[in-house]
Amino acid sequence: MKILIIGASGFIGRHIEHACKAQGFQVVRGVRNAGPAEIDCDLVRDTDKTVWLPRLIGIDGVINCVGLLHADAETLQAVHCDAPAAIAGACAAAKVPFVHISVLGLDHAPDTPYFRSKQRGDEAIRAVNSSAIIVRPSLVFGADSPSSQLLLLQARLPVFFLPADTRPVAPIHVDDLAALCLCLIGTLRAYGCDVDGVGETEMSIADYMQKLRIAGHHAEAKVVPVPNHWMRFALSATALCGAKTLRPEALDLMEHPHTGKASTFARWMHRPPRPVERFQAA
C-alpha cells in the first residue's frame, strides 16, 4: 500500500510516516521544498483539484496532516479549506481513500479565524467527497512536539500559573493518533465517517499537567488561576516577541472543549488508547 502523507515533515506527519513504515507500507512524502522522491506540496498555493490529480497516480491512500494555528485569514482559508477541498475532490475523482485531520467541536467553536477556516474546510470536504474520513483529535502529546515540550517544561515547575477558565481535554498520544489514521484508511466501513481521536479520560488542563508531573516522579504542584484576560495580554506580549507557541491562539484552544466519544478509539483499534501516565514512557 502506497500512502501519500501531506505534511510529512510536521509533528503528526512524522509519526504517521513512522507508523506506515512499521506496517510495511510505502510512503510518499508531500512537503514544501521537496527533495528527491518527494512531492512538492504547498497548501497555500495548491488549491485546485487539477493540481492534485497527477499526484495521485499510483497512490492507494492520502492523509492530510497540515494545519496552522496562526496566520492571516487568507492563508488559513487556503490551508484549512481550499486546498483540503481540492485534495478531497481529486481523491473522489481518482477513487483514492482520503483521511483529513481536523479539530474537535467545530459546531460550537469560538468565532476566531482558526476555527472558522477549520469549519469551512470540513464542510467543503464533505461537499466534494462523501467518502472522506475526517479525524478530529483532542490535545495531541508527543515528545518531539514544541507544544508538548513546553508543557513538560511547565509541568516540572512547583507552581502552575494557568488560565482560570478552561475547558476539559481528552489527551491522546501522537502514536495512537497515527495508528488510528492508518486503521481508518484501510477500513471500508470507516469511509465517510467523522472520528473523534481522543484519549479514554477527560480532564482539566491542570489535571493533565499534574498527571505529567507525577509521571515524571514529582509531587503535585500548586495551581494558581490567572484571569483569562490577563493571560491573553501576557500571551499577546510574548507573541510580539516572536514566540511560536505562546500566543493568544493557544488560549483560544484552552477555552474550547477538546473532548469527544471516548469509546471511539477502542471501537476501531480494539484496544484502549494509552493513558496520560504512560505518555512520557512511550
C-alpha atoms as a PDB file:
ATOM      1  CA  MET A   1       0.000   0.000   0.000  1.00  0.00           C
ATOM      2  CA  LYS A   2       1.404   3.378  -1.023  1.00  0.00           C
ATOM      3  CA  ILE A   3       0.346   6.309   1.190  1.00  0.00           C
ATOM      4  CA  LEU A   4       0.794   9.984   0.330  1.00  0.00           C
ATOM      5  CA  ILE A   5       1.299  11.911   3.580  1.00  0.00           C
ATOM      6  CA  ILE A   6       0.719  15.628   3.079  1.00  0.00           C
ATOM      7  CA  GLY A   7       2.663  17.484   5.739  1.00  0.00           C
ATOM      8  CA  ALA A   8       5.046  14.575   6.305  1.00  0.00           C
ATOM      9  CA  SER A   9       7.699  16.849   7.800  1.00  0.00           C
ATOM     10  CA  GLY A  10       5.346  18.089  10.525  1.00  0.00           C
ATOM     11  CA  PHE A  11       4.814  16.692  14.005  1.00  0.00           C
ATOM     12  CA  ILE A  12       1.846  14.411  13.278  1.00  0.00           C
ATOM     13  CA  GLY A  13       3.041  13.625   9.755  1.00  0.00           C
ATOM     14  CA  ARG A  14       6.390  12.304  11.010  1.00  0.00           C
ATOM     15  CA  HIS A  15       4.657   9.865  13.336  1.00  0.00           C
ATOM     16  CA  ILE A  16       2.225   8.697  10.650  1.00  0.00           C
ATOM     17  CA  GLU A  17       5.175   8.095   8.327  1.00  0.00           C
ATOM     18  CA  HIS A  18       6.902   6.034  11.021  1.00  0.00           C
ATOM     19  CA  ALA A  19       3.708   4.022  11.614  1.00  0.00           C
ATOM     20  CA  CYS A  20       3.338   3.389   7.860  1.00  0.00           C
ATOM     21  CA  LYS A  21       6.868   2.062   7.537  1.00  0.00           C
ATOM     22  CA  ALA A  22       6.443  -0.095  10.644  1.00  0.00           C
ATOM     23  CA  GLN A  23       3.500  -1.780   8.895  1.00  0.00           C
ATOM     24  CA  GLY A  24       5.419  -2.248   5.669  1.00  0.00           C
ATOM     25  CA  PHE A  25       3.590   0.485   3.719  1.00  0.00           C
ATOM     26  CA  GLN A  26       5.368   2.584   1.144  1.00  0.00           C
ATOM     27  CA  VAL A  27       5.348   6.311   1.940  1.00  0.00           C
ATOM     28  CA  VAL A  28       5.340   9.235  -0.457  1.00  0.00           C
ATOM     29  CA  ARG A  29       6.158  12.436   1.397  1.00  0.00           C
ATOM     30  CA  GLY A  30       4.236  15.563   0.434  1.00  0.00           C
ATOM     31  CA  VAL A  31       6.215  18.566   1.703  1.00  0.00           C
ATOM     32  CA  ARG A  32       7.209  22.076   0.793  1.00  0.00           C
ATOM     33  CA  ASN A  33      10.625  22.395  -0.879  1.00  0.00           C
ATOM     34  CA  ALA A  34      10.535  18.711  -1.809  1.00  0.00           C
ATOM     35  CA  GLY A  35      13.672  16.668  -2.246  1.00  0.00           C
ATOM     36  CA  PRO A  36      14.243  13.531  -4.336  1.00  0.00           C
ATOM     37  CA  ALA A  37      11.330  11.058  -4.269  1.00  0.00           C
ATOM     38  CA  GLU A  38       9.130  13.640  -2.507  1.00  0.00           C
ATOM     39  CA  ILE A  39       6.172  15.617  -3.856  1.00  0.00           C
ATOM     40  CA  ASP A  40       6.252  19.407  -3.650  1.00  0.00           C
ATOM     41  CA  CYS A  41       3.022  20.356  -1.838  1.00  0.00           C
ATOM     42  CA  ASP A  42       2.222  23.895  -0.769  1.00  0.00           C
ATOM     43  CA  LEU A  43      -1.340  24.198   0.517  1.00  0.00           C
ATOM     44  CA  VAL A  44      -1.262  27.987   0.261  1.00  0.00           C
ATOM     45  CA  ARG A  45      -0.701  27.599  -3.478  1.00  0.00           C
ATOM     46  CA  ASP A  46      -2.197  24.223  -4.436  1.00  0.00           C
ATOM     47  CA  THR A  47      -5.911  24.964  -4.139  1.00  0.00           C
ATOM     48  CA  ASP A  48      -7.156  23.465  -7.410  1.00  0.00           C
ATOM     49  CA  LYS A  49      -8.190  19.830  -7.879  1.00  0.00           C
ATOM     50  CA  THR A  50      -6.350  19.577 -11.206  1.00  0.00           C
ATOM     51  CA  VAL A  51      -3.032  20.159  -9.420  1.00  0.00           C
ATOM     52  CA  TRP A  52      -3.592  17.122  -7.202  1.00  0.00           C
ATOM     53  CA  LEU A  53      -4.888  14.598  -9.717  1.00  0.00           C
ATOM     54  CA  PRO A  54      -1.460  13.819 -11.287  1.00  0.00           C
ATOM     55  CA  ARG A  55      -0.006  13.419  -7.796  1.00  0.00           C
ATOM     56  CA  LEU A  56      -2.424  10.595  -7.033  1.00  0.00           C
ATOM     57  CA  ILE A  57      -1.246   8.277  -9.813  1.00  0.00           C
ATOM     58  CA  GLY A  58      -0.160   5.032  -8.145  1.00  0.00           C
ATOM     59  CA  ILE A  59      -1.285   6.237  -4.704  1.00  0.00           C
ATOM     60  CA  ASP A  60      -3.505   3.961  -2.568  1.00  0.00           C
ATOM     61  CA  GLY A  61      -4.406   6.456   0.166  1.00  0.00           C
ATOM     62  CA  VAL A  62      -3.893  10.084   1.195  1.00  0.00           C
ATOM     63  CA  ILE A  63      -3.573  11.515   4.707  1.00  0.00           C
ATOM     64  CA  ASN A  64      -3.567  15.295   5.144  1.00  0.00           C
ATOM     65  CA  CYS A  65      -1.848  16.417   8.369  1.00  0.00           C
ATOM     66  CA  VAL A  66      -1.316  20.094   7.539  1.00  0.00           C
ATOM     67  CA  GLY A  67      -2.670  22.746   9.873  1.00  0.00           C
ATOM     68  CA  LEU A  68      -1.750  26.218  11.094  1.00  0.00           C
ATOM     69  CA  LEU A  69      -2.658  27.731  14.445  1.00  0.00           C
ATOM     70  CA  HIS A  70      -1.681  31.259  13.472  1.00  0.00           C
ATOM     71  CA  ALA A  71      -1.642  33.001  10.083  1.00  0.00           C
ATOM     72  CA  ASP A  72      -3.536  35.704   8.232  1.00  0.00           C
ATOM     73  CA  ALA A  73      -7.135  34.949   7.242  1.00  0.00           C
ATOM     74  CA  GLU A  74      -6.277  34.350   3.570  1.00  0.00           C
ATOM     75  CA  THR A  75      -3.596  31.793   4.416  1.00  0.00           C
ATOM     76  CA  LEU A  76      -5.830  29.980   6.915  1.00  0.00           C
ATOM     77  CA  GLN A  77      -8.591  29.822   4.296  1.00  0.00           C
ATOM     78  CA  ALA A  78      -6.232  28.269   1.749  1.00  0.00           C
ATOM     79  CA  VAL A  79      -4.556  25.781   4.116  1.00  0.00           C
ATOM     80  CA  HIS A  80      -7.630  24.705   6.096  1.00  0.00           C
ATOM     81  CA  CYS A  81     -10.357  24.938   3.452  1.00  0.00           C
ATOM     82  CA  ASP A  82      -9.475  25.496  -0.212  1.00  0.00           C
ATOM     83  CA  ALA A  83      -6.535  23.077  -0.508  1.00  0.00           C
ATOM     84  CA  PRO A  84      -8.109  20.247   1.568  1.00  0.00           C
ATOM     85  CA  ALA A  85     -11.267  20.532  -0.534  1.00  0.00           C
ATOM     86  CA  ALA A  86      -9.149  20.321  -3.701  1.00  0.00           C
ATOM     87  CA  ILE A  87      -7.360  17.228  -2.358  1.00  0.00           C
ATOM     88  CA  ALA A  88     -10.656  15.654  -1.323  1.00  0.00           C
ATOM     89  CA  GLY A  89     -12.157  16.328  -4.746  1.00  0.00           C
ATOM     90  CA  ALA A  90      -9.153  14.818  -6.505  1.00  0.00           C
ATOM     91  CA  CYS A  91      -9.300  11.746  -4.250  1.00  0.00           C
ATOM     92  CA  ALA A  92     -13.005  11.327  -5.025  1.00  0.00           C
ATOM     93  CA  ALA A  93     -12.333  11.533  -8.755  1.00  0.00           C
ATOM     94  CA  ALA A  94      -9.410   9.086  -8.529  1.00  0.00           C
ATOM     95  CA  LYS A  95     -11.259   6.796  -6.064  1.00  0.00           C
ATOM     96  CA  VAL A  96      -8.436   7.086  -3.519  1.00  0.00           C
ATOM     97  CA  PRO A  97      -9.239   6.938   0.225  1.00  0.00           C
ATOM     98  CA  PHE A  98      -8.688  10.275   1.974  1.00  0.00           C
ATOM     99  CA  VAL A  99      -8.101  10.982   5.677  1.00  0.00           C
ATOM    100  CA  HIS A 100      -8.162  14.595   6.825  1.00  0.00           C
ATOM    101  CA  ILE A 101      -7.042  15.623  10.314  1.00  0.00           C
ATOM    102  CA  SER A 102      -9.226  18.414  11.671  1.00  0.00           C
ATOM    103  CA  VAL A 103     -10.169  19.542  15.201  1.00  0.00           C
ATOM    104  CA  LEU A 104     -12.863  18.674  17.735  1.00  0.00           C
ATOM    105  CA  GLY A 105     -16.053  20.562  18.484  1.00  0.00           C
ATOM    106  CA  LEU A 106     -16.346  22.823  15.455  1.00  0.00           C
ATOM    107  CA  ASP A 107     -20.137  23.030  15.800  1.00  0.00           C
ATOM    108  CA  HIS A 108     -19.749  25.169  18.927  1.00  0.00           C
ATOM    109  CA  ALA A 109     -16.260  26.586  18.406  1.00  0.00           C
ATOM    110  CA  PRO A 110     -15.414  30.230  19.166  1.00  0.00           C
ATOM    111  CA  ASP A 111     -15.645  32.707  16.318  1.00  0.00           C
ATOM    112  CA  THR A 112     -11.942  33.022  15.500  1.00  0.00           C
ATOM    113  CA  PRO A 113     -10.151  32.876  12.116  1.00  0.00           C
ATOM    114  CA  TYR A 114      -8.615  29.495  13.013  1.00  0.00           C
ATOM    115  CA  PHE A 115     -11.878  27.781  13.942  1.00  0.00           C
ATOM    116  CA  ARG A 116     -13.860  29.442  11.119  1.00  0.00           C
ATOM    117  CA  SER A 117     -11.393  28.195   8.497  1.00  0.00           C
ATOM    118  CA  LYS A 118     -11.375  24.703  10.001  1.00  0.00           C
ATOM    119  CA  GLN A 119     -15.176  24.517   9.968  1.00  0.00           C
ATOM    120  CA  ARG A 120     -15.403  25.750   6.384  1.00  0.00           C
ATOM    121  CA  GLY A 121     -12.777  23.201   5.411  1.00  0.00           C
ATOM    122  CA  ASP A 122     -14.670  20.255   6.878  1.00  0.00           C
ATOM    123  CA  GLU A 123     -17.867  21.404   5.179  1.00  0.00           C
ATOM    124  CA  ALA A 124     -16.086  21.828   1.833  1.00  0.00           C
ATOM    125  CA  ILE A 125     -14.514  18.362   2.081  1.00  0.00           C
ATOM    126  CA  ARG A 126     -17.873  16.753   2.779  1.00  0.00           C
ATOM    127  CA  ALA A 127     -19.428  18.621  -0.167  1.00  0.00           C
ATOM    128  CA  VAL A 128     -16.978  17.160  -2.687  1.00  0.00           C
ATOM    129  CA  ASN A 129     -16.121  13.773  -1.146  1.00  0.00           C
ATOM    130  CA  SER A 130     -18.751  11.902   0.821  1.00  0.00           C
ATOM    131  CA  SER A 131     -16.285   9.055   1.483  1.00  0.00           C
ATOM    132  CA  ALA A 132     -13.644  11.240   3.144  1.00  0.00           C
ATOM    133  CA  ILE A 133     -12.669  10.279   6.686  1.00  0.00           C
ATOM    134  CA  ILE A 134     -12.355  13.283   8.994  1.00  0.00           C
ATOM    135  CA  VAL A 135     -10.378  12.632  12.172  1.00  0.00           C
ATOM    136  CA  ARG A 136     -10.817  15.150  14.966  1.00  0.00           C
ATOM    137  CA  PRO A 137      -8.146  14.751  17.651  1.00  0.00           C
ATOM    138  CA  SER A 138      -8.070  16.229  21.111  1.00  0.00           C
ATOM    139  CA  LEU A 139      -4.856  17.627  22.570  1.00  0.00           C
ATOM    140  CA  VAL A 140      -2.052  15.560  20.989  1.00  0.00           C
ATOM    141  CA  PHE A 141       1.054  14.676  23.002  1.00  0.00           C
ATOM    142  CA  GLY A 142       4.443  13.809  21.571  1.00  0.00           C
ATOM    143  CA  ALA A 143       7.933  14.327  22.959  1.00  0.00           C
ATOM    144  CA  ASP A 144       9.041  15.909  19.668  1.00  0.00           C
ATOM    145  CA  SER A 145       6.197  18.447  19.623  1.00  0.00           C
ATOM    146  CA  PRO A 146       7.221  22.007  20.587  1.00  0.00           C
ATOM    147  CA  SER A 147       3.930  22.498  22.457  1.00  0.00           C
ATOM    148  CA  SER A 148       4.379  19.219  24.364  1.00  0.00           C
ATOM    149  CA  GLN A 149       7.974  20.139  25.198  1.00  0.00           C
ATOM    150  CA  LEU A 150       6.749  23.441  26.599  1.00  0.00           C
ATOM    151  CA  LEU A 151       4.046  21.636  28.561  1.00  0.00           C
ATOM    152  CA  LEU A 152       6.587  19.227  30.031  1.00  0.00           C
ATOM    153  CA  LEU A 153       8.831  22.136  30.979  1.00  0.00           C
ATOM    154  CA  GLN A 154       5.931  23.825  32.767  1.00  0.00           C
ATOM    155  CA  ALA A 155       4.970  20.537  34.420  1.00  0.00           C
ATOM    156  CA  ARG A 156       8.359  20.417  36.134  1.00  0.00           C
ATOM    157  CA  LEU A 157       7.663  23.682  37.963  1.00  0.00           C
ATOM    158  CA  PRO A 158       6.325  23.520  41.531  1.00  0.00           C
ATOM    159  CA  VAL A 159       3.656  26.132  40.702  1.00  0.00           C
ATOM    160  CA  PHE A 160       1.311  26.215  37.680  1.00  0.00           C
ATOM    161  CA  PHE A 161       0.028  29.609  36.532  1.00  0.00           C
ATOM    162  CA  LEU A 162      -2.962  28.622  34.391  1.00  0.00           C
ATOM    163  CA  PRO A 163      -5.955  30.423  32.889  1.00  0.00           C
ATOM    164  CA  ALA A 164      -8.807  30.471  35.370  1.00  0.00           C
ATOM    165  CA  ASP A 165     -11.430  29.458  32.796  1.00  0.00           C
ATOM    166  CA  THR A 166     -10.501  26.495  30.585  1.00  0.00           C
ATOM    167  CA  ARG A 167     -12.418  23.574  29.134  1.00  0.00           C
ATOM    168  CA  PRO A 168     -11.705  19.851  29.533  1.00  0.00           C
ATOM    169  CA  VAL A 169      -9.441  17.856  27.252  1.00  0.00           C
ATOM    170  CA  ALA A 170      -9.027  14.149  26.485  1.00  0.00           C
ATOM    171  CA  PRO A 171      -5.329  13.969  25.505  1.00  0.00           C
ATOM    172  CA  ILE A 172      -4.173  11.371  23.000  1.00  0.00           C
ATOM    173  CA  HIS A 173      -0.632  10.228  22.296  1.00  0.00           C
ATOM    174  CA  VAL A 174       0.518  11.025  18.754  1.00  0.00           C
ATOM    175  CA  ASP A 175       1.469   7.388  18.097  1.00  0.00           C
ATOM    176  CA  ASP A 176      -2.089   6.323  18.952  1.00  0.00           C
ATOM    177  CA  LEU A 177      -3.421   9.001  16.601  1.00  0.00           C
ATOM    178  CA  ALA A 178      -1.102   7.772  13.822  1.00  0.00           C
ATOM    179  CA  ALA A 179      -2.198   4.161  14.341  1.00  0.00           C
ATOM    180  CA  LEU A 180      -5.845   5.241  14.250  1.00  0.00           C
ATOM    181  CA  CYS A 181      -5.393   7.079  10.939  1.00  0.00           C
ATOM    182  CA  LEU A 182      -3.788   4.018   9.326  1.00  0.00           C
ATOM    183  CA  CYS A 183      -6.530   1.758  10.634  1.00  0.00           C
ATOM    184  CA  LEU A 184      -9.228   4.029   9.230  1.00  0.00           C
ATOM    185  CA  ILE A 185      -7.708   4.469   5.778  1.00  0.00           C
ATOM    186  CA  GLY A 186      -7.606   0.697   5.346  1.00  0.00           C
ATOM    187  CA  THR A 187     -11.154   0.038   6.605  1.00  0.00           C
ATOM    188  CA  LEU A 188     -14.031   0.298   4.131  1.00  0.00           C
ATOM    189  CA  ARG A 189     -16.639   0.828   6.839  1.00  0.00           C
ATOM    190  CA  ALA A 190     -14.750   3.944   8.003  1.00  0.00           C
ATOM    191  CA  TYR A 191     -15.312   5.718   4.690  1.00  0.00           C
ATOM    192  CA  GLY A 192     -17.490   8.786   5.177  1.00  0.00           C
ATOM    193  CA  CYS A 193     -17.066   8.754   8.974  1.00  0.00           C
ATOM    194  CA  ASP A 194     -16.217  11.548  11.369  1.00  0.00           C
ATOM    195  CA  VAL A 195     -13.937  10.040  14.027  1.00  0.00           C
ATOM    196  CA  ASP A 196     -13.033  11.522  17.407  1.00  0.00           C
ATOM    197  CA  GLY A 197      -9.357  10.977  18.168  1.00  0.00           C
ATOM    198  CA  VAL A 198      -9.449  11.232  21.941  1.00  0.00           C
ATOM    199  CA  GLY A 199      -7.948   9.534  24.968  1.00  0.00           C
ATOM    200  CA  GLU A 200     -10.059   7.488  27.335  1.00  0.00           C
ATOM    201  CA  THR A 201     -10.195  10.076  30.148  1.00  0.00           C
ATOM    202  CA  GLU A 202     -11.487  13.649  30.202  1.00  0.00           C
ATOM    203  CA  MET A 203      -9.636  16.048  32.482  1.00  0.00           C
ATOM    204  CA  SER A 204      -8.880  19.694  33.071  1.00  0.00           C
ATOM    205  CA  ILE A 205      -5.677  21.277  31.806  1.00  0.00           C
ATOM    206  CA  ALA A 206      -4.488  21.465  35.419  1.00  0.00           C
ATOM    207  CA  ASP A 207      -5.157  17.746  35.988  1.00  0.00           C
ATOM    208  CA  TYR A 208      -3.372  16.904  32.736  1.00  0.00           C
ATOM    209  CA  MET A 209      -0.268  18.800  33.826  1.00  0.00           C
ATOM    210  CA  GLN A 210      -0.423  17.210  37.282  1.00  0.00           C
ATOM    211  CA  LYS A 211      -0.508  13.744  35.689  1.00  0.00           C
ATOM    212  CA  LEU A 212       2.508  14.591  33.541  1.00  0.00           C
ATOM    213  CA  ARG A 213       4.291  15.910  36.629  1.00  0.00           C
ATOM    214  CA  ILE A 214       3.537  12.835  38.712  1.00  0.00           C
ATOM    215  CA  ALA A 215       4.610  10.560  35.833  1.00  0.00           C
ATOM    216  CA  GLY A 216       7.923  12.417  35.971  1.00  0.00           C
ATOM    217  CA  HIS A 217       8.226  11.438  39.661  1.00  0.00           C
ATOM    218  CA  HIS A 218       7.380  14.871  41.069  1.00  0.00           C
ATOM    219  CA  ALA A 219       4.885  15.761  43.771  1.00  0.00           C
ATOM    220  CA  GLU A 220       1.713  17.627  42.843  1.00  0.00           C
ATOM    221  CA  ALA A 221       2.222  21.293  42.046  1.00  0.00           C
ATOM    222  CA  LYS A 222       0.316  24.274  43.383  1.00  0.00           C
ATOM    223  CA  VAL A 223      -2.136  25.699  40.838  1.00  0.00           C
ATOM    224  CA  VAL A 224      -2.551  29.480  40.659  1.00  0.00           C
ATOM    225  CA  PRO A 225      -5.520  30.536  38.488  1.00  0.00           C
ATOM    226  CA  VAL A 226      -4.907  33.630  36.378  1.00  0.00           C
ATOM    227  CA  PRO A 227      -7.841  35.612  34.914  1.00  0.00           C
ATOM    228  CA  ASN A 228      -8.151  34.808  31.228  1.00  0.00           C
ATOM    229  CA  HIS A 229      -7.895  38.436  30.117  1.00  0.00           C
ATOM    230  CA  TRP A 230      -4.603  38.788  31.979  1.00  0.00           C
ATOM    231  CA  MET A 231      -3.351  35.594  30.383  1.00  0.00           C
ATOM    232  CA  ARG A 232      -4.396  36.817  26.934  1.00  0.00           C
ATOM    233  CA  PHE A 233      -2.493  40.062  27.482  1.00  0.00           C
ATOM    234  CA  ALA A 234       0.632  38.137  28.524  1.00  0.00           C
ATOM    235  CA  LEU A 235       0.389  35.799  25.516  1.00  0.00           C
ATOM    236  CA  SER A 236      -0.077  38.770  23.174  1.00  0.00           C
ATOM    237  CA  ALA A 237       3.136  40.238  24.577  1.00  0.00           C
ATOM    238  CA  THR A 238       5.086  37.007  24.059  1.00  0.00           C
ATOM    239  CA  ALA A 239       3.717  36.766  20.514  1.00  0.00           C
ATOM    240  CA  LEU A 240       5.061  40.236  19.764  1.00  0.00           C
ATOM    241  CA  CYS A 241       8.458  38.970  20.910  1.00  0.00           C
ATOM    242  CA  GLY A 242       8.302  36.220  18.272  1.00  0.00           C
ATOM    243  CA  ALA A 243       7.116  33.247  20.331  1.00  0.00           C
ATOM    244  CA  LYS A 244       5.609  30.497  18.152  1.00  0.00           C
ATOM    245  CA  THR A 245       3.760  28.507  20.818  1.00  0.00           C
ATOM    246  CA  LEU A 246       2.983  31.108  23.500  1.00  0.00           C
ATOM    247  CA  ARG A 247       0.334  33.022  21.558  1.00  0.00           C
ATOM    248  CA  PRO A 248      -3.263  34.139  22.191  1.00  0.00           C
ATOM    249  CA  GLU A 249      -4.448  31.366  19.856  1.00  0.00           C
ATOM    250  CA  ALA A 250      -3.210  28.852  22.436  1.00  0.00           C
ATOM    251  CA  LEU A 251      -5.653  30.364  24.930  1.00  0.00           C
ATOM    252  CA  ASP A 252      -8.437  30.103  22.327  1.00  0.00           C
ATOM    253  CA  LEU A 253      -7.781  26.361  22.241  1.00  0.00           C
ATOM    254  CA  MET A 254      -7.831  26.070  26.033  1.00  0.00           C
ATOM    255  CA  GLU A 255     -11.144  27.927  26.192  1.00  0.00           C
ATOM    256  CA  HIS A 256     -12.620  25.418  23.732  1.00  0.00           C
ATOM    257  CA  PRO A 257     -13.624  21.897  24.870  1.00  0.00           C
ATOM    258  CA  HIS A 258     -11.475  19.120  23.394  1.00  0.00           C
ATOM    259  CA  THR A 259     -13.474  16.088  24.346  1.00  0.00           C
ATOM    260  CA  GLY A 260     -15.329  13.505  22.291  1.00  0.00           C
ATOM    261  CA  LYS A 261     -16.572   9.939  22.339  1.00  0.00           C
ATOM    262  CA  ALA A 262     -14.091   8.072  24.499  1.00  0.00           C
ATOM    263  CA  SER A 263     -15.198   4.694  23.101  1.00  0.00           C
ATOM    264  CA  THR A 264     -14.333   5.627  19.507  1.00  0.00           C
ATOM    265  CA  PHE A 265     -10.660   4.669  19.646  1.00  0.00           C
ATOM    266  CA  ALA A 266     -11.332   1.219  21.109  1.00  0.00           C
ATOM    267  CA  ARG A 267     -14.096   0.643  18.565  1.00  0.00           C
ATOM    268  CA  TRP A 268     -11.671   0.976  15.663  1.00  0.00           C
ATOM    269  CA  MET A 269      -8.445  -0.220  17.253  1.00  0.00           C
ATOM    270  CA  HIS A 270      -9.820  -2.980  19.523  1.00  0.00           C
ATOM    271  CA  ARG A 271      -7.693  -1.684  22.383  1.00  0.00           C
ATOM    272  CA  PRO A 272      -7.794   1.367  24.646  1.00  0.00           C
ATOM    273  CA  PRO A 273      -5.570   4.382  23.987  1.00  0.00           C
ATOM    274  CA  ARG A 274      -2.566   4.676  26.258  1.00  0.00           C
ATOM    275  CA  PRO A 275      -3.225   6.686  29.439  1.00  0.00           C
ATOM    276  CA  VAL A 276      -1.545  10.002  30.168  1.00  0.00           C
ATOM    277  CA  GLU A 277       0.589   8.306  32.813  1.00  0.00           C
ATOM    278  CA  ARG A 278       2.341   6.375  30.022  1.00  0.00           C
ATOM    279  CA  PHE A 279       2.806   9.256  27.595  1.00  0.00           C
ATOM    280  CA  GLN A 280       6.396  10.041  28.553  1.00  0.00           C
ATOM    281  CA  ALA A 281       7.407   6.388  28.706  1.00  0.00           C
ATOM    282  CA  ALA A 282       6.141   5.978  25.133  1.00  0.00           C
END
